[in-house]
């Protein structure tokens, strides 16, 4: 997920939107400092089914189970992209 502020900055001050923008900026800066600026790291119970994603984005599985996956990685960019499980739990 790439940071794009051009169409996200409101014409009038909106605290909720500003918090969201600062969180996006924080996440992008943290990824940049880790040498991973193009990948989104998050957590969910399953692979994303909406949103626009880039190859290399991944989410940690917060509901792991035996023979399940540690997480999910986007292998083909798109909306929502193609997601594959990784890290089989044995």
Protein backbone atom coordinates (compact mmCIF):
# COMPACT_ATOMS: atom_id res chain seq x y z
CA UNK A 1 0.00 0.00 0.00
CA UNK A 2 1.56 3.30 -1.03
CA UNK A 3 1.04 6.63 0.64
CA UNK A 4 -0.77 9.11 -1.60
CA UNK A 5 -1.91 12.33 0.01
CA UNK A 6 -2.85 14.32 -3.09
CA UNK A 7 -6.57 13.50 -2.99
CA UNK A 8 -6.83 12.81 0.74
CA UNK A 9 -6.19 16.21 2.29
CA UNK A 10 -9.54 17.82 3.14
CA UNK A 11 -10.27 21.44 2.21
CA UNK A 12 -11.49 22.07 5.76
CA UNK A 13 -9.99 20.76 8.98
CA UNK A 14 -11.38 17.35 9.89
CA UNK A 15 -9.75 15.77 12.98
CA UNK A 16 -10.62 12.19 12.02
CA UNK A 17 -9.14 12.49 8.51
CA UNK A 18 -6.03 14.20 9.88
CA UNK A 19 -5.47 11.34 12.36
CA UNK A 20 -5.81 8.82 9.52
CA UNK A 21 -3.32 10.77 7.39
CA UNK A 22 -0.80 10.96 10.22
CA UNK A 23 -1.16 7.22 10.84
CA UNK A 24 -0.52 6.50 7.14
CA UNK A 25 2.52 8.78 7.20
CA UNK A 26 3.80 7.15 10.39
CA UNK A 27 3.43 3.67 8.92
CA UNK A 28 5.21 4.65 5.71
CA UNK A 29 8.08 6.33 7.58
CA UNK A 30 8.48 3.30 9.83
CA UNK A 31 8.61 0.99 6.80
CA UNK A 32 11.15 3.28 5.14
CA UNK A 33 13.37 3.20 8.24
CA UNK A 34 13.15 -0.61 8.20
CA UNK A 35 14.16 -0.72 4.52
CA UNK A 36 10.73 -1.94 3.51
CA UNK A 37 8.99 1.14 2.14
CA UNK A 38 6.77 -0.62 -0.37
CA UNK A 39 5.29 -3.32 1.84
CA UNK A 40 2.33 -2.98 4.16
CA UNK A 41 2.47 -5.04 7.33
CA UNK A 42 -0.72 -5.57 9.27
CA UNK A 43 -2.77 -8.16 11.08
CA UNK A 44 -6.07 -9.84 10.25
CA UNK A 45 -7.89 -13.13 10.59
CA UNK A 46 -7.75 -13.80 6.83
CA UNK A 47 -6.23 -12.52 3.60
CA UNK A 48 -7.65 -9.11 2.59
CA UNK A 49 -10.71 -9.14 0.34
CA UNK A 50 -10.85 -5.42 -0.44
CA UNK A 51 -8.52 -2.49 -0.89
CA UNK A 52 -5.65 -1.97 -3.31
CA UNK A 53 -2.45 -3.85 -2.57
CA UNK A 54 1.01 -4.23 -4.09
CA UNK A 55 3.12 -7.33 -4.46
CA UNK A 56 5.00 -7.95 -1.22
CA UNK A 57 2.35 -6.55 1.12
CA UNK A 58 1.59 -8.98 3.92
CA UNK A 59 -0.58 -9.43 6.96
CA UNK A 60 -0.01 -11.58 10.03
CA UNK A 61 -2.74 -14.08 10.88
CA UNK A 62 -4.14 -13.11 14.29
CA UNK A 63 -6.21 -16.29 14.51
CA UNK A 64 -3.66 -19.04 13.75
CA UNK A 65 -4.59 -22.69 14.01
CA UNK A 66 -2.90 -26.05 13.62
CA UNK A 67 -2.08 -26.65 9.92
CA UNK A 68 -3.08 -23.03 9.19
CA UNK A 69 -0.86 -20.15 8.06
CA UNK A 70 1.27 -17.68 10.02
CA UNK A 71 0.27 -14.95 7.56
CA UNK A 72 -0.75 -13.97 4.06
CA UNK A 73 1.32 -12.30 1.31
CA UNK A 74 0.19 -10.44 -1.80
CA UNK A 75 1.79 -12.13 -4.82
CA UNK A 76 0.03 -10.12 -7.57
CA UNK A 77 -0.85 -6.43 -7.13
CA UNK A 78 -4.47 -5.42 -7.51
CA UNK A 79 -7.79 -4.78 -5.83
CA UNK A 80 -7.65 -6.85 -3.67
CA UNK A 81 -4.69 -8.56 -5.38
CA UNK A 82 -3.78 -12.23 -5.20
CA UNK A 83 -3.05 -13.49 -1.69
CA UNK A 84 -1.29 -16.69 -0.62
CA UNK A 85 -0.81 -18.14 2.85
CA UNK A 86 2.74 -18.54 4.17
CA UNK A 87 4.32 -20.23 7.15
CA UNK A 88 2.34 -23.44 7.59
CA UNK A 89 1.91 -24.17 11.29
CA UNK A 90 2.83 -27.79 12.11
